[in-house]
Each structure stands twice: as structure tokens, then as C-alpha cells.
N, C-alpha and C. Protein backbone atom coordinates (compact mmCIF):
# COMPACT_ATOMS: atom_id res chain seq x y z
N UNK A 1 11.76 -0.70 -17.29
CA UNK A 1 12.58 -1.81 -16.88
C UNK A 1 12.66 -1.90 -15.35
N UNK A 2 12.99 -0.79 -14.69
CA UNK A 2 13.09 -0.80 -13.23
C UNK A 2 11.73 -1.13 -12.61
N UNK A 3 10.64 -0.54 -13.14
CA UNK A 3 9.32 -0.78 -12.56
C UNK A 3 8.93 -2.25 -12.66
N UNK A 4 9.32 -2.92 -13.75
CA UNK A 4 8.97 -4.34 -13.90
C UNK A 4 9.64 -5.17 -12.80
N UNK A 5 10.84 -4.77 -12.36
CA UNK A 5 11.50 -5.49 -11.27
C UNK A 5 10.75 -5.26 -9.96
N UNK A 6 10.33 -4.02 -9.73
CA UNK A 6 9.54 -3.71 -8.53
C UNK A 6 8.24 -4.50 -8.54
N UNK A 7 7.61 -4.54 -9.70
CA UNK A 7 6.35 -5.26 -9.84
C UNK A 7 6.53 -6.76 -9.54
N UNK A 8 7.57 -7.36 -10.09
CA UNK A 8 7.82 -8.78 -9.87
C UNK A 8 8.16 -9.07 -8.41
N UNK A 9 8.93 -8.18 -7.77
CA UNK A 9 9.25 -8.36 -6.36
C UNK A 9 8.01 -8.27 -5.49
N UNK A 10 7.13 -7.30 -5.80
CA UNK A 10 5.88 -7.16 -5.04
C UNK A 10 5.03 -8.42 -5.17
N UNK A 11 4.97 -8.96 -6.38
CA UNK A 11 4.19 -10.18 -6.61
C UNK A 11 4.81 -11.36 -5.86
N UNK A 12 6.13 -11.43 -5.84
CA UNK A 12 6.82 -12.52 -5.15
C UNK A 12 6.59 -12.46 -3.65
N UNK A 13 6.65 -11.28 -3.08
CA UNK A 13 6.49 -11.11 -1.63
C UNK A 13 5.05 -11.31 -1.20
N UNK A 14 4.10 -10.74 -1.95
CA UNK A 14 2.70 -10.77 -1.51
C UNK A 14 1.91 -11.96 -2.06
N UNK A 15 2.32 -12.48 -3.20
CA UNK A 15 1.55 -13.55 -3.83
C UNK A 15 0.39 -13.01 -4.65
N UNK A 16 0.31 -11.69 -4.81
CA UNK A 16 -0.75 -11.05 -5.58
C UNK A 16 -0.13 -10.13 -6.63
N UNK A 17 -0.82 -9.96 -7.75
CA UNK A 17 -0.36 -9.00 -8.74
C UNK A 17 -0.71 -7.59 -8.26
N UNK A 18 -0.07 -6.59 -8.85
CA UNK A 18 -0.38 -5.21 -8.47
C UNK A 18 -1.83 -4.86 -8.79
N UNK A 19 -2.36 -5.41 -9.86
CA UNK A 19 -3.76 -5.18 -10.22
C UNK A 19 -4.68 -5.74 -9.12
N UNK A 20 -4.35 -6.92 -8.61
CA UNK A 20 -5.16 -7.50 -7.54
C UNK A 20 -5.05 -6.66 -6.26
N UNK A 21 -3.85 -6.18 -5.96
CA UNK A 21 -3.65 -5.37 -4.76
C UNK A 21 -4.45 -4.07 -4.87
N UNK A 22 -4.44 -3.44 -6.06
CA UNK A 22 -5.18 -2.19 -6.24
C UNK A 22 -6.68 -2.38 -6.11
N UNK A 23 -7.15 -3.59 -6.41
CA UNK A 23 -8.60 -3.84 -6.43
C UNK A 23 -9.18 -4.07 -5.03
N UNK A 24 -8.34 -4.33 -4.05
CA UNK A 24 -8.85 -4.59 -2.71
C UNK A 24 -8.53 -3.42 -1.77
N UNK A 25 -9.28 -3.33 -0.71
CA UNK A 25 -9.07 -2.25 0.26
C UNK A 25 -7.82 -2.54 1.09
N UNK A 26 -7.24 -1.50 1.69
CA UNK A 26 -6.08 -1.74 2.57
C UNK A 26 -6.41 -2.71 3.72
N UNK A 27 -7.63 -2.67 4.23
CA UNK A 27 -8.02 -3.56 5.32
C UNK A 27 -8.04 -5.02 4.85
N UNK A 28 -8.58 -5.27 3.66
CA UNK A 28 -8.61 -6.63 3.14
C UNK A 28 -7.20 -7.11 2.81
N UNK A 29 -6.36 -6.20 2.33
CA UNK A 29 -4.97 -6.53 2.03
C UNK A 29 -4.23 -6.91 3.32
N UNK A 30 -4.46 -6.14 4.39
CA UNK A 30 -3.87 -6.44 5.68
C UNK A 30 -4.31 -7.81 6.17
N UNK A 31 -5.60 -8.08 6.06
CA UNK A 31 -6.14 -9.37 6.50
C UNK A 31 -5.52 -10.52 5.70
N UNK A 32 -5.40 -10.33 4.39
CA UNK A 32 -4.80 -11.34 3.53
C UNK A 32 -3.36 -11.63 3.95
N UNK A 33 -2.57 -10.56 4.21
CA UNK A 33 -1.17 -10.73 4.60
C UNK A 33 -1.04 -11.40 5.97
N UNK A 34 -1.96 -11.08 6.89
CA UNK A 34 -1.93 -11.71 8.21
C UNK A 34 -2.17 -13.21 8.08
N UNK A 35 -3.12 -13.60 7.26
CA UNK A 35 -3.40 -15.02 7.06
C UNK A 35 -2.24 -15.71 6.36
N UNK A 36 -1.67 -15.05 5.36
CA UNK A 36 -0.57 -15.62 4.59
C UNK A 36 0.68 -15.80 5.45
N UNK A 37 1.02 -14.78 6.25
CA UNK A 37 2.25 -14.81 7.04
C UNK A 37 2.06 -15.32 8.46
N UNK A 38 0.81 -15.54 8.86
CA UNK A 38 0.47 -16.05 10.20
C UNK A 38 1.03 -15.18 11.32
N UNK A 39 0.99 -13.86 11.12
CA UNK A 39 1.39 -12.92 12.17
C UNK A 39 0.72 -11.57 11.92
N UNK A 40 0.54 -10.77 12.97
CA UNK A 40 -0.13 -9.47 12.82
C UNK A 40 0.63 -8.54 11.87
N UNK A 41 -0.12 -7.70 11.20
CA UNK A 41 0.44 -6.77 10.23
C UNK A 41 -0.16 -5.40 10.50
N UNK A 42 0.64 -4.37 10.39
CA UNK A 42 0.11 -3.02 10.56
C UNK A 42 0.77 -2.08 9.56
N UNK A 43 0.04 -1.04 9.21
CA UNK A 43 0.56 -0.01 8.33
C UNK A 43 1.19 1.09 9.19
N UNK A 44 2.34 1.58 8.78
CA UNK A 44 2.96 2.67 9.50
C UNK A 44 3.29 3.80 8.54
N UNK A 45 3.39 4.97 9.09
CA UNK A 45 3.77 6.13 8.28
C UNK A 45 5.26 6.31 8.33
N UNK A 46 5.87 6.53 7.19
CA UNK A 46 7.31 6.75 7.13
C UNK A 46 7.64 8.24 7.07
N UNK A 47 6.64 9.08 7.26
CA UNK A 47 6.85 10.52 7.21
C UNK A 47 7.33 11.02 8.57
N UNK A 48 8.19 12.01 8.59
CA UNK A 48 8.69 12.51 9.88
C UNK A 48 7.59 13.21 10.67
N UNK A 49 7.72 13.17 11.98
CA UNK A 49 6.75 13.82 12.85
C UNK A 49 6.94 15.33 12.79
N UNK A 50 8.16 15.76 12.60
CA UNK A 50 8.47 17.18 12.53
C UNK A 50 8.00 17.72 11.19
N UNK A 51 7.43 18.89 11.18
CA UNK A 51 7.02 19.50 9.92
C UNK A 51 5.62 20.05 9.97
N UNK A 52 4.90 19.83 8.90
CA UNK A 52 3.59 20.44 8.77
C UNK A 52 2.47 19.59 9.34
N UNK A 53 2.77 18.48 9.96
CA UNK A 53 1.72 17.67 10.56
C UNK A 53 1.36 16.46 9.73
N UNK A 54 0.20 15.94 9.98
CA UNK A 54 -0.27 14.73 9.34
C UNK A 54 -0.49 14.96 7.84
N UNK A 55 0.13 14.12 7.01
CA UNK A 55 -0.02 14.27 5.57
C UNK A 55 -1.43 13.93 5.10
N UNK A 56 -2.19 13.21 5.92
CA UNK A 56 -3.57 12.87 5.56
C UNK A 56 -4.55 13.92 6.07
N UNK A 57 -4.05 14.99 6.63
CA UNK A 57 -4.88 16.08 7.14
C UNK A 57 -5.92 15.57 8.15
N UNK A 58 -5.46 14.70 9.04
CA UNK A 58 -6.30 14.16 10.11
C UNK A 58 -7.55 13.45 9.62
N UNK A 59 -7.47 12.81 8.47
CA UNK A 59 -8.61 12.03 7.99
C UNK A 59 -8.11 10.82 7.21
N UNK A 60 -8.97 9.84 7.09
CA UNK A 60 -8.65 8.66 6.29
C UNK A 60 -9.04 8.93 4.85
N UNK A 61 -8.40 8.21 3.92
CA UNK A 61 -8.77 8.35 2.52
C UNK A 61 -9.21 6.99 2.00
N UNK A 62 -10.01 7.01 0.96
CA UNK A 62 -10.52 5.76 0.39
C UNK A 62 -9.41 5.06 -0.39
N UNK A 63 -9.62 3.77 -0.64
CA UNK A 63 -8.62 3.03 -1.42
C UNK A 63 -8.52 3.57 -2.84
N UNK A 64 -9.63 4.07 -3.39
CA UNK A 64 -9.59 4.65 -4.74
C UNK A 64 -8.73 5.91 -4.77
N UNK A 65 -8.86 6.74 -3.74
CA UNK A 65 -8.03 7.95 -3.65
C UNK A 65 -6.57 7.59 -3.45
N UNK A 66 -6.32 6.57 -2.64
CA UNK A 66 -4.96 6.10 -2.41
C UNK A 66 -4.35 5.57 -3.71
N UNK A 67 -5.12 4.78 -4.45
CA UNK A 67 -4.64 4.26 -5.74
C UNK A 67 -4.35 5.39 -6.72
N UNK A 68 -5.19 6.41 -6.73
CA UNK A 68 -4.98 7.56 -7.63
C UNK A 68 -3.68 8.28 -7.28
N UNK A 69 -3.41 8.45 -5.99
CA UNK A 69 -2.17 9.10 -5.56
C UNK A 69 -0.95 8.27 -5.96
N UNK A 70 -1.04 6.96 -5.78
CA UNK A 70 0.07 6.07 -6.15
C UNK A 70 0.30 6.10 -7.65
N UNK A 71 -0.78 6.06 -8.43
CA UNK A 71 -0.65 6.14 -9.89
C UNK A 71 0.01 7.44 -10.32
N UNK A 72 -0.35 8.55 -9.66
CA UNK A 72 0.22 9.85 -9.98
C UNK A 72 1.73 9.87 -9.68
N UNK A 73 2.12 9.24 -8.58
CA UNK A 73 3.54 9.19 -8.19
C UNK A 73 4.33 8.33 -9.17
N UNK A 74 3.77 7.23 -9.60
CA UNK A 74 4.50 6.30 -10.47
C UNK A 74 4.59 6.75 -11.91
N UNK A 75 3.84 7.76 -12.30
CA UNK A 75 3.89 8.23 -13.69
C UNK A 75 4.99 9.21 -13.90
């Protein structure tokens, strides 16, 4: 029940379903949002600077790996 509300809000804000968002790369998603909102968009990390360092271990991850991590968190 709660997840369906999150899903509907995400669709309302972005104009895309979660399935569509998962199918595109973060770069294409950023580009889509910039065109839709007519202003620059950037991704930021909400993790604290203090601690064990970069959660990505100083590397980028693919959109498939990112989707897998998100799926694991939501289950």
C-alpha cells in the first residue's frame, strides 16, 4: 500500500512510470528532467562526508547495478 503511493507520486512528479525510469540511464533521465522542467538538474549524494568515505568506492556504477541495488533495498 505505501509503495503504491510512492510509485504514484514518482509518476506524477516525473511523468514516467518506474519501469520507464529503470529502463533508461541516469544521464538520459537527467536530460529528460532538464527538458521537462527547463532548468539544470544534478544528482547529489545524501550520505555524510564523515565516515568510511565514498559509498561508491571511488568509481561509477552502471544503471543495471544501480537498479539491482534499488530493487534489493525495496524488497
